[in-house]
Amino acid sequence: MTLPRLIVSALAAVVCCLAEQGVMALRVGNPQGKPLAGIVLATMGDGSAGAPTDKNGKTRLRLAEGTRAKDWVTLQVAQSPKELVFLSPWDGRVAVPRFSNESDNFVPVVLAERGDRAMLENGRLIASLAAKVNLEARPRSQPAAPPVPQEQALKQVAEAHGLEPAALEKALRDMQAKSKDPYEKGMSALFNRQFGDASDSLANAVTVREKSLKKVPMGIVNAAVFLGQALYEQGKFDEAAAAYRKALAYRPDDAVTLAGLGASLLKAGKPDLAEPFLRRAIELEESKP
């Protein structure tokens, strides 16, 4: 290849990479792992909606100006031929991958049609439902605010997903014995209010996920946040604070994590340290649309 052609190729590569800046690739599937076509996803806030997913479930989203790799964005379904709910990420929040054309630089998303019982047939997806229920019992930014009773949280999540509460409850309880995955076991134990078992399994999940050759921030954050909740429930407030700090290192300025950290420090007898975290959590919660 002559020098001019080398220069042209190099310039083309640069242009290609530049074209990727501010764009996030997504791959959308259902609980059975099949691609979902015709789904329009968007980011909340200043981002835009992407084109409908193709037959392979792929689409690309233009992110808000200034969004960088490793920043967190919240996804939402902007248009769909069916009523869909998020299963993965369970809260719709994802870390933006590197802006490049590498084959693994996409965000996998799992959506389910309301009422699809396949949600209850996969441990990873059951763990997502457990997260939604367990979240309601989390430490609050305002300590006087009581957690939502588990029965009420279970009913709310079941209704939102078109599931029978009894069927969802059985799946959440049974996962602890059936699964070999530490995160899944921990989330089930937390639901079963077996807090010692939950903290052991979730601490293992954090370690395994941090040692992974390909760290996935979402996975580490989820395990660390719910580890903090399990430790908090045991009265191990300093350890709970450490778990929440770990989660914040991967996902800064998150209202749930800030509230957990602040509440843990408050219970540990450190109100001066707790105050800025609780105040910031309240600010973020009040700014939600």
C-alpha atoms as a PDB file:
ATOM      1  CA  MET A   1       0.000   0.000   0.000  1.00  0.00           C
ATOM      2  CA  THR A   2       1.387   3.390  -0.988  1.00  0.00           C
ATOM      3  CA  LEU A   3       1.902   6.178   1.551  1.00  0.00           C
ATOM      4  CA  PRO A   4      -1.059   8.291   0.335  1.00  0.00           C
ATOM      5  CA  ARG A   5      -3.375   5.267   0.618  1.00  0.00           C
ATOM      6  CA  LEU A   6      -2.071   4.625   4.129  1.00  0.00           C
ATOM      7  CA  ILE A   7      -2.864   8.216   5.061  1.00  0.00           C
ATOM      8  CA  VAL A   8      -6.358   7.952   3.591  1.00  0.00           C
ATOM      9  CA  SER A   9      -6.988   4.725   5.530  1.00  0.00           C
ATOM     10  CA  ALA A  10      -5.772   6.316   8.742  1.00  0.00           C
ATOM     11  CA  LEU A  11      -8.005   9.335   8.205  1.00  0.00           C
ATOM     12  CA  ALA A  12     -10.976   7.060   7.528  1.00  0.00           C
ATOM     13  CA  ALA A  13     -10.336   5.223  10.785  1.00  0.00           C
ATOM     14  CA  VAL A  14     -10.195   8.525  12.673  1.00  0.00           C
ATOM     15  CA  VAL A  15     -13.449   9.706  11.089  1.00  0.00           C
ATOM     16  CA  CYS A  16     -15.086   6.365  11.949  1.00  0.00           C
ATOM     17  CA  CYS A  17     -14.041   6.650  15.594  1.00  0.00           C
ATOM     18  CA  LEU A  18     -15.142  10.285  15.759  1.00  0.00           C
ATOM     19  CA  ALA A  19     -18.520   9.273  14.389  1.00  0.00           C
ATOM     20  CA  GLU A  20     -18.903   6.949  17.354  1.00  0.00           C
ATOM     21  CA  GLN A  21     -18.410   9.669  19.948  1.00  0.00           C
ATOM     22  CA  GLY A  22     -21.621  10.277  21.884  1.00  0.00           C
ATOM     23  CA  VAL A  23     -23.372   7.222  20.423  1.00  0.00           C
ATOM     24  CA  MET A  24     -24.307   4.136  22.435  1.00  0.00           C
ATOM     25  CA  ALA A  25     -25.031   0.805  20.788  1.00  0.00           C
ATOM     26  CA  LEU A  26     -27.799  -1.354  22.268  1.00  0.00           C
ATOM     27  CA  ARG A  27     -28.957  -4.907  21.685  1.00  0.00           C
ATOM     28  CA  VAL A  28     -32.505  -5.637  22.854  1.00  0.00           C
ATOM     29  CA  GLY A  29     -33.909  -9.098  23.519  1.00  0.00           C
ATOM     30  CA  ASN A  30     -36.734 -10.867  25.346  1.00  0.00           C
ATOM     31  CA  PRO A  31     -36.501 -13.270  28.329  1.00  0.00           C
ATOM     32  CA  GLN A  32     -35.911 -16.188  25.950  1.00  0.00           C
ATOM     33  CA  GLY A  33     -32.895 -14.417  24.448  1.00  0.00           C
ATOM     34  CA  LYS A  34     -34.572 -13.675  21.121  1.00  0.00           C
ATOM     35  CA  PRO A  35     -34.061 -10.218  19.562  1.00  0.00           C
ATOM     36  CA  LEU A  36     -36.882  -7.706  19.728  1.00  0.00           C
ATOM     37  CA  ALA A  37     -37.468  -5.621  16.584  1.00  0.00           C
ATOM     38  CA  GLY A  38     -39.348  -2.347  16.274  1.00  0.00           C
ATOM     39  CA  ILE A  39     -38.557  -1.072  19.792  1.00  0.00           C
ATOM     40  CA  VAL A  40     -37.664   2.595  20.222  1.00  0.00           C
ATOM     41  CA  LEU A  41     -35.522   3.344  23.257  1.00  0.00           C
ATOM     42  CA  ALA A  42     -34.590   6.751  24.593  1.00  0.00           C
ATOM     43  CA  THR A  43     -32.579   8.202  27.440  1.00  0.00           C
ATOM     44  CA  MET A  44     -34.274  10.252  30.124  1.00  0.00           C
ATOM     45  CA  GLY A  45     -33.176  13.864  30.289  1.00  0.00           C
ATOM     46  CA  ASP A  46     -31.400  15.535  27.394  1.00  0.00           C
ATOM     47  CA  GLY A  47     -30.711  12.484  25.228  1.00  0.00           C
ATOM     48  CA  SER A  48     -32.681  11.520  22.148  1.00  0.00           C
ATOM     49  CA  ALA A  49     -34.627   8.500  20.962  1.00  0.00           C
ATOM     50  CA  GLY A  50     -32.898   6.006  18.722  1.00  0.00           C
ATOM     51  CA  ALA A  51     -34.149   4.372  15.558  1.00  0.00           C
ATOM     52  CA  PRO A  52     -36.391   1.316  16.030  1.00  0.00           C
ATOM     53  CA  THR A  53     -34.396  -1.842  16.745  1.00  0.00           C
ATOM     54  CA  ASP A  54     -33.667  -3.934  13.659  1.00  0.00           C
ATOM     55  CA  LYS A  55     -34.395  -7.640  13.192  1.00  0.00           C
ATOM     56  CA  ASN A  56     -31.345  -8.431  15.322  1.00  0.00           C
ATOM     57  CA  GLY A  57     -32.575  -6.208  18.150  1.00  0.00           C
ATOM     58  CA  LYS A  58     -29.859  -3.613  17.515  1.00  0.00           C
ATOM     59  CA  THR A  59     -30.100   0.155  17.631  1.00  0.00           C
ATOM     60  CA  ARG A  60     -27.957   3.198  18.433  1.00  0.00           C
ATOM     61  CA  LEU A  61     -28.715   6.134  20.694  1.00  0.00           C
ATOM     62  CA  ARG A  62     -27.341   9.644  20.393  1.00  0.00           C
ATOM     63  CA  LEU A  63     -26.474  10.675  23.952  1.00  0.00           C
ATOM     64  CA  ALA A  64     -26.730  14.123  25.484  1.00  0.00           C
ATOM     65  CA  GLU A  65     -23.853  16.449  24.686  1.00  0.00           C
ATOM     66  CA  GLY A  66     -20.960  15.980  27.076  1.00  0.00           C
ATOM     67  CA  THR A  67     -21.834  12.379  28.004  1.00  0.00           C
ATOM     68  CA  ARG A  68     -18.654  10.359  28.348  1.00  0.00           C
ATOM     69  CA  ALA A  69     -17.781   6.679  28.551  1.00  0.00           C
ATOM     70  CA  LYS A  70     -18.488   5.319  32.060  1.00  0.00           C
ATOM     71  CA  ASP A  71     -21.185   7.954  32.668  1.00  0.00           C
ATOM     72  CA  TRP A  72     -24.579   6.562  33.694  1.00  0.00           C
ATOM     73  CA  VAL A  73     -27.789   7.104  31.762  1.00  0.00           C
ATOM     74  CA  THR A  74     -31.357   5.912  32.331  1.00  0.00           C
ATOM     75  CA  LEU A  75     -33.142   4.178  29.480  1.00  0.00           C
ATOM     76  CA  GLN A  76     -36.859   4.148  28.784  1.00  0.00           C
ATOM     77  CA  VAL A  77     -39.103   2.531  26.186  1.00  0.00           C
ATOM     78  CA  ALA A  78     -40.313   5.370  23.976  1.00  0.00           C
ATOM     79  CA  GLN A  79     -42.287   3.263  21.507  1.00  0.00           C
ATOM     80  CA  SER A  80     -43.249  -0.395  21.286  1.00  0.00           C
ATOM     81  CA  PRO A  81     -45.955  -2.490  19.626  1.00  0.00           C
ATOM     82  CA  LYS A  82     -46.500  -4.193  23.020  1.00  0.00           C
ATOM     83  CA  GLU A  83     -46.464  -3.171  26.682  1.00  0.00           C
ATOM     84  CA  LEU A  84     -42.937  -3.950  27.846  1.00  0.00           C
ATOM     85  CA  VAL A  85     -41.095  -3.782  31.168  1.00  0.00           C
ATOM     86  CA  PHE A  86     -37.369  -3.627  31.927  1.00  0.00           C
ATOM     87  CA  LEU A  87     -35.717  -6.735  33.333  1.00  0.00           C
ATOM     88  CA  SER A  88     -32.094  -5.995  32.564  1.00  0.00           C
ATOM     89  CA  PRO A  89     -30.976  -3.501  33.593  1.00  0.00           C
ATOM     90  CA  TRP A  90     -33.703  -3.875  36.213  1.00  0.00           C
ATOM     91  CA  ASP A  91     -33.813  -0.125  36.918  1.00  0.00           C
ATOM     92  CA  GLY A  92     -33.108   1.004  33.352  1.00  0.00           C
ATOM     93  CA  ARG A  93     -29.726   2.490  34.323  1.00  0.00           C
ATOM     94  CA  VAL A  94     -26.623   1.628  32.305  1.00  0.00           C
ATOM     95  CA  ALA A  95     -22.990   2.681  32.220  1.00  0.00           C
ATOM     96  CA  VAL A  96     -21.984   4.075  28.834  1.00  0.00           C
ATOM     97  CA  PRO A  97     -19.392   1.778  27.196  1.00  0.00           C
ATOM     98  CA  ARG A  98     -16.344   2.984  25.300  1.00  0.00           C
ATOM     99  CA  PHE A  99     -17.076   4.914  22.113  1.00  0.00           C
ATOM    100  CA  SER A 100     -15.483   2.581  19.577  1.00  0.00           C
ATOM    101  CA  ASN A 101     -16.404  -0.048  17.034  1.00  0.00           C
ATOM    102  CA  GLU A 102     -15.236  -3.027  19.101  1.00  0.00           C
ATOM    103  CA  SER A 103     -17.699  -5.900  18.901  1.00  0.00           C
ATOM    104  CA  ASP A 104     -18.374  -6.009  22.648  1.00  0.00           C
ATOM    105  CA  ASN A 105     -19.048  -2.287  23.065  1.00  0.00           C
ATOM    106  CA  PHE A 106     -22.808  -2.522  23.237  1.00  0.00           C
ATOM    107  CA  VAL A 107     -25.318  -2.544  26.070  1.00  0.00           C
ATOM    108  CA  PRO A 108     -27.507  -5.665  26.342  1.00  0.00           C
ATOM    109  CA  VAL A 109     -31.107  -4.923  27.323  1.00  0.00           C
ATOM    110  CA  VAL A 110     -33.792  -7.453  28.254  1.00  0.00           C
ATOM    111  CA  LEU A 111     -37.420  -6.408  27.988  1.00  0.00           C
ATOM    112  CA  ALA A 112     -40.451  -8.558  28.712  1.00  0.00           C
ATOM    113  CA  GLU A 113     -44.077  -8.280  27.727  1.00  0.00           C
ATOM    114  CA  ARG A 114     -46.285  -7.799  30.774  1.00  0.00           C
ATOM    115  CA  GLY A 115     -47.590 -11.152  31.943  1.00  0.00           C
ATOM    116  CA  ASP A 116     -44.827 -13.216  30.314  1.00  0.00           C
ATOM    117  CA  ARG A 117     -44.147 -16.031  32.789  1.00  0.00           C
ATOM    118  CA  ALA A 118     -40.726 -16.544  31.216  1.00  0.00           C
ATOM    119  CA  MET A 119     -39.656 -13.827  33.667  1.00  0.00           C
ATOM    120  CA  LEU A 120     -40.000 -16.461  36.402  1.00  0.00           C
ATOM    121  CA  GLU A 121     -38.005 -19.162  34.637  1.00  0.00           C
ATOM    122  CA  ASN A 122     -34.538 -17.608  34.595  1.00  0.00           C
ATOM    123  CA  GLY A 123     -32.504 -16.947  37.735  1.00  0.00           C
ATOM    124  CA  ARG A 124     -30.918 -13.764  36.382  1.00  0.00           C
ATOM    125  CA  LEU A 125     -34.327 -12.311  35.559  1.00  0.00           C
ATOM    126  CA  ILE A 126     -35.846 -13.416  38.874  1.00  0.00           C
ATOM    127  CA  ALA A 127     -32.970 -11.599  40.566  1.00  0.00           C
ATOM    128  CA  SER A 128     -34.004  -8.456  38.678  1.00  0.00           C
ATOM    129  CA  LEU A 129     -37.517  -8.787  40.052  1.00  0.00           C
ATOM    130  CA  ALA A 130     -36.067  -9.419  43.520  1.00  0.00           C
ATOM    131  CA  ALA A 131     -34.106  -6.183  43.198  1.00  0.00           C
ATOM    132  CA  LYS A 132     -37.310  -4.248  42.520  1.00  0.00           C
ATOM    133  CA  VAL A 133     -39.004  -5.743  45.586  1.00  0.00           C
ATOM    134  CA  ASN A 134     -35.975  -5.536  47.898  1.00  0.00           C
ATOM    135  CA  LEU A 135     -35.391  -1.910  46.926  1.00  0.00           C
ATOM    136  CA  GLU A 136     -38.585  -0.872  48.707  1.00  0.00           C
ATOM    137  CA  ALA A 137     -37.124  -2.009  52.055  1.00  0.00           C
ATOM    138  CA  ARG A 138     -33.904  -0.020  51.566  1.00  0.00           C
ATOM    139  CA  PRO A 139     -32.554   2.578  54.029  1.00  0.00           C
ATOM    140  CA  ARG A 140     -34.101   5.970  53.260  1.00  0.00           C
ATOM    141  CA  SER A 141     -32.640   9.430  52.828  1.00  0.00           C
ATOM    142  CA  GLN A 142     -35.058  10.615  55.499  1.00  0.00           C
ATOM    143  CA  PRO A 143     -34.718   8.143  58.394  1.00  0.00           C
ATOM    144  CA  ALA A 144     -38.227   8.882  59.630  1.00  0.00           C
ATOM    145  CA  ALA A 145     -39.678   7.563  56.353  1.00  0.00           C
ATOM    146  CA  PRO A 146     -40.708   3.912  56.867  1.00  0.00           C
ATOM    147  CA  PRO A 147     -39.875   1.268  54.253  1.00  0.00           C
ATOM    148  CA  VAL A 148     -42.711  -0.164  52.172  1.00  0.00           C
ATOM    149  CA  PRO A 149     -43.984  -3.437  53.727  1.00  0.00           C
ATOM    150  CA  GLN A 150     -42.707  -6.432  51.784  1.00  0.00           C
ATOM    151  CA  GLU A 151     -46.190  -7.723  50.984  1.00  0.00           C
ATOM    152  CA  GLN A 152     -47.146  -4.362  49.488  1.00  0.00           C
ATOM    153  CA  ALA A 153     -43.880  -4.120  47.513  1.00  0.00           C
ATOM    154  CA  LEU A 154     -44.388  -7.650  46.180  1.00  0.00           C
ATOM    155  CA  LYS A 155     -47.916  -6.809  45.067  1.00  0.00           C
ATOM    156  CA  GLN A 156     -46.789  -3.588  43.367  1.00  0.00           C
ATOM    157  CA  VAL A 157     -43.988  -5.275  41.426  1.00  0.00           C
ATOM    158  CA  ALA A 158     -46.200  -8.214  40.447  1.00  0.00           C
ATOM    159  CA  GLU A 159     -48.917  -5.872  39.181  1.00  0.00           C
ATOM    160  CA  ALA A 160     -46.438  -3.754  37.217  1.00  0.00           C
ATOM    161  CA  HIS A 161     -45.175  -6.883  35.454  1.00  0.00           C
ATOM    162  CA  GLY A 162     -48.545  -8.565  34.965  1.00  0.00           C
ATOM    163  CA  LEU A 163     -47.677 -11.450  37.296  1.00  0.00           C
ATOM    164  CA  GLU A 164     -49.566 -13.171  40.089  1.00  0.00           C
ATOM    165  CA  PRO A 165     -48.113 -12.141  43.470  1.00  0.00           C
ATOM    166  CA  ALA A 166     -48.114 -15.748  44.706  1.00  0.00           C
ATOM    167  CA  ALA A 167     -46.163 -16.938  41.660  1.00  0.00           C
ATOM    168  CA  LEU A 168     -43.635 -14.125  41.989  1.00  0.00           C
ATOM    169  CA  GLU A 169     -43.221 -14.760  45.707  1.00  0.00           C
ATOM    170  CA  LYS A 170     -42.566 -18.476  45.131  1.00  0.00           C
ATOM    171  CA  ALA A 171     -39.951 -17.733  42.474  1.00  0.00           C
ATOM    172  CA  LEU A 172     -38.188 -15.211  44.721  1.00  0.00           C
ATOM    173  CA  ARG A 173     -38.155 -17.562  47.712  1.00  0.00           C
ATOM    174  CA  ASP A 174     -37.106 -20.685  45.800  1.00  0.00           C
ATOM    175  CA  MET A 175     -34.167 -19.087  43.997  1.00  0.00           C
ATOM    176  CA  GLN A 176     -31.973 -19.216  47.119  1.00  0.00           C
ATOM    177  CA  ALA A 177     -31.964 -23.020  47.084  1.00  0.00           C
ATOM    178  CA  LYS A 178     -32.062 -23.532  43.321  1.00  0.00           C
ATOM    179  CA  SER A 179     -29.369 -21.134  42.109  1.00  0.00           C
ATOM    180  CA  LYS A 180     -25.605 -21.531  42.318  1.00  0.00           C
ATOM    181  CA  ASP A 181     -24.936 -17.899  41.418  1.00  0.00           C
ATOM    182  CA  PRO A 182     -23.936 -15.875  44.514  1.00  0.00           C
ATOM    183  CA  TYR A 183     -25.815 -12.758  43.434  1.00  0.00           C
ATOM    184  CA  GLU A 184     -29.024 -14.661  42.755  1.00  0.00           C
ATOM    185  CA  LYS A 185     -28.734 -16.557  46.045  1.00  0.00           C
ATOM    186  CA  GLY A 186     -28.053 -13.331  47.903  1.00  0.00           C
ATOM    187  CA  MET A 187     -31.025 -11.507  46.402  1.00  0.00           C
ATOM    188  CA  SER A 188     -33.335 -14.388  47.307  1.00  0.00           C
ATOM    189  CA  ALA A 189     -31.906 -14.562  50.844  1.00  0.00           C
ATOM    190  CA  LEU A 190     -32.452 -10.818  51.225  1.00  0.00           C
ATOM    191  CA  PHE A 191     -36.067 -11.244  50.154  1.00  0.00           C
ATOM    192  CA  ASN A 192     -36.383 -14.149  52.612  1.00  0.00           C
ATOM    193  CA  ARG A 193     -34.968 -11.823  55.292  1.00  0.00           C
ATOM    194  CA  GLN A 194     -32.087 -14.190  55.949  1.00  0.00           C
ATOM    195  CA  PHE A 195     -29.695 -11.301  56.208  1.00  0.00           C
ATOM    196  CA  GLY A 196     -26.578 -13.217  57.262  1.00  0.00           C
ATOM    197  CA  ASP A 197     -26.843 -15.562  54.281  1.00  0.00           C
ATOM    198  CA  ALA A 198     -27.641 -12.592  52.055  1.00  0.00           C
ATOM    199  CA  SER A 199     -24.548 -10.635  53.090  1.00  0.00           C
ATOM    200  CA  ASP A 200     -22.285 -13.696  52.689  1.00  0.00           C
ATOM    201  CA  SER A 201     -23.568 -14.413  49.176  1.00  0.00           C
ATOM    202  CA  LEU A 202     -23.594 -10.777  48.050  1.00  0.00           C
ATOM    203  CA  ALA A 203     -20.073 -10.151  49.407  1.00  0.00           C
ATOM    204  CA  ASN A 204     -18.981 -13.147  47.329  1.00  0.00           C
ATOM    205  CA  ALA A 205     -20.812 -11.712  44.320  1.00  0.00           C
ATOM    206  CA  VAL A 206     -18.993  -8.373  44.685  1.00  0.00           C
ATOM    207  CA  THR A 207     -15.619 -10.146  44.858  1.00  0.00           C
ATOM    208  CA  VAL A 208     -16.342 -12.356  41.854  1.00  0.00           C
ATOM    209  CA  ARG A 209     -17.592  -9.449  39.759  1.00  0.00           C
ATOM    210  CA  GLU A 210     -14.660  -7.194  40.634  1.00  0.00           C
ATOM    211  CA  LYS A 211     -12.197  -9.951  39.699  1.00  0.00           C
ATOM    212  CA  SER A 212     -13.911 -10.622  36.382  1.00  0.00           C
ATOM    213  CA  LEU A 213     -11.714 -10.093  33.325  1.00  0.00           C
ATOM    214  CA  LYS A 214     -14.462  -7.898  31.932  1.00  0.00           C
ATOM    215  CA  LYS A 215     -15.857  -5.828  34.788  1.00  0.00           C
ATOM    216  CA  VAL A 216     -19.477  -4.816  34.323  1.00  0.00           C
ATOM    217  CA  PRO A 217     -20.175  -1.750  36.516  1.00  0.00           C
ATOM    218  CA  MET A 218     -23.910  -2.480  36.684  1.00  0.00           C
ATOM    219  CA  GLY A 219     -23.249  -5.899  38.208  1.00  0.00           C
ATOM    220  CA  ILE A 220     -20.805  -4.598  40.801  1.00  0.00           C
ATOM    221  CA  VAL A 221     -23.081  -1.713  41.792  1.00  0.00           C
ATOM    222  CA  ASN A 222     -26.114  -3.972  42.215  1.00  0.00           C
ATOM    223  CA  ALA A 223     -24.226  -6.486  44.362  1.00  0.00           C
ATOM    224  CA  ALA A 224     -22.631  -3.763  46.513  1.00  0.00           C
ATOM    225  CA  VAL A 225     -25.860  -1.813  47.078  1.00  0.00           C
ATOM    226  CA  PHE A 226     -27.833  -4.839  48.204  1.00  0.00           C
ATOM    227  CA  LEU A 227     -24.868  -6.048  50.267  1.00  0.00           C
ATOM    228  CA  GLY A 228     -25.072  -2.694  52.055  1.00  0.00           C
ATOM    229  CA  GLN A 229     -28.785  -3.268  52.652  1.00  0.00           C
ATOM    230  CA  ALA A 230     -28.195  -6.783  54.079  1.00  0.00           C
ATOM    231  CA  LEU A 231     -25.473  -5.505  56.419  1.00  0.00           C
ATOM    232  CA  TYR A 232     -27.627  -2.553  57.492  1.00  0.00           C
ATOM    233  CA  GLU A 233     -30.432  -4.945  58.463  1.00  0.00           C
ATOM    234  CA  GLN A 234     -27.970  -6.804  60.719  1.00  0.00           C
ATOM    235  CA  GLY A 235     -26.927  -3.629  62.482  1.00  0.00           C
ATOM    236  CA  LYS A 236     -23.455  -3.754  60.898  1.00  0.00           C
ATOM    237  CA  PHE A 237     -23.586  -0.099  59.990  1.00  0.00           C
ATOM    238  CA  ASP A 238     -19.886   0.597  59.392  1.00  0.00           C
ATOM    239  CA  GLU A 239     -19.655  -2.426  57.077  1.00  0.00           C
ATOM    240  CA  ALA A 240     -22.837  -1.338  55.339  1.00  0.00           C
ATOM    241  CA  ALA A 241     -21.343   2.126  54.787  1.00  0.00           C
ATOM    242  CA  ALA A 242     -18.241   0.526  53.234  1.00  0.00           C
ATOM    243  CA  ALA A 243     -20.415  -1.456  50.807  1.00  0.00           C
ATOM    244  CA  TYR A 244     -22.346   1.663  49.789  1.00  0.00           C
ATOM    245  CA  ARG A 245     -19.076   3.554  49.290  1.00  0.00           C
ATOM    246  CA  LYS A 246     -17.907   0.832  46.936  1.00  0.00           C
ATOM    247  CA  ALA A 247     -21.101   1.192  44.922  1.00  0.00           C
ATOM    248  CA  LEU A 248     -20.632   4.971  44.762  1.00  0.00           C
ATOM    249  CA  ALA A 249     -17.138   4.492  43.387  1.00  0.00           C
ATOM    250  CA  TYR A 250     -18.683   2.840  40.330  1.00  0.00           C
ATOM    251  CA  ARG A 251     -21.857   4.948  40.135  1.00  0.00           C
ATOM    252  CA  PRO A 252     -21.388   8.396  41.711  1.00  0.00           C
ATOM    253  CA  ASP A 253     -24.251  10.671  42.688  1.00  0.00           C
ATOM    254  CA  ASP A 254     -26.869   7.927  42.886  1.00  0.00           C
ATOM    255  CA  ALA A 255     -29.791   8.761  45.187  1.00  0.00           C
ATOM    256  CA  VAL A 256     -30.394   5.213  46.461  1.00  0.00           C
ATOM    257  CA  THR A 257     -26.734   4.620  47.261  1.00  0.00           C
ATOM    258  CA  LEU A 258     -26.252   8.027  48.828  1.00  0.00           C
ATOM    259  CA  ALA A 259     -29.297   7.447  51.033  1.00  0.00           C
ATOM    260  CA  GLY A 260     -27.988   4.050  52.096  1.00  0.00           C
ATOM    261  CA  LEU A 261     -24.573   5.443  52.900  1.00  0.00           C
ATOM    262  CA  GLY A 262     -25.992   8.391  54.820  1.00  0.00           C
ATOM    263  CA  ALA A 263     -28.426   6.233  56.795  1.00  0.00           C
ATOM    264  CA  SER A 264     -25.657   3.752  57.642  1.00  0.00           C
ATOM    265  CA  LEU A 265     -23.337   6.495  58.891  1.00  0.00           C
ATOM    266  CA  LEU A 266     -26.160   8.013  60.905  1.00  0.00           C
ATOM    267  CA  LYS A 267     -26.894   4.669  62.570  1.00  0.00           C
ATOM    268  CA  ALA A 268     -23.159   4.233  63.185  1.00  0.00           C
ATOM    269  CA  GLY A 269     -23.224   7.406  65.278  1.00  0.00           C
ATOM    270  CA  LYS A 270     -21.566   9.650  62.695  1.00  0.00           C
ATOM    271  CA  PRO A 271     -24.176  12.318  61.950  1.00  0.00           C
ATOM    272  CA  ASP A 272     -21.640  14.873  60.684  1.00  0.00           C
ATOM    273  CA  LEU A 273     -20.412  12.431  58.047  1.00  0.00           C
ATOM    274  CA  ALA A 274     -23.955  11.313  57.217  1.00  0.00           C
ATOM    275  CA  GLU A 275     -25.460  14.754  56.673  1.00  0.00           C
ATOM    276  CA  PRO A 276     -23.986  15.663  53.238  1.00  0.00           C
ATOM    277  CA  PHE A 277     -24.887  12.261  51.762  1.00  0.00           C
ATOM    278  CA  LEU A 278     -28.455  12.421  53.053  1.00  0.00           C
ATOM    279  CA  ARG A 279     -28.859  16.003  51.854  1.00  0.00           C
ATOM    280  CA  ARG A 280     -27.627  15.148  48.368  1.00  0.00           C
ATOM    281  CA  ALA A 281     -29.899  12.074  48.209  1.00  0.00           C
ATOM    282  CA  ILE A 282     -32.896  14.251  49.064  1.00  0.00           C
ATOM    283  CA  GLU A 283     -31.904  16.812  46.401  1.00  0.00           C
ATOM    284  CA  LEU A 284     -31.717  14.089  43.740  1.00  0.00           C
ATOM    285  CA  GLU A 285     -35.005  12.522  44.800  1.00  0.00           C
ATOM    286  CA  GLU A 286     -36.804  15.872  44.757  1.00  0.00           C
ATOM    287  CA  SER A 287     -35.416  16.730  41.305  1.00  0.00           C
ATOM    288  CA  LYS A 288     -36.959  13.666  39.680  1.00  0.00           C
ATOM    289  CA  PRO A 289     -39.729  14.472  37.194  1.00  0.00           C
END
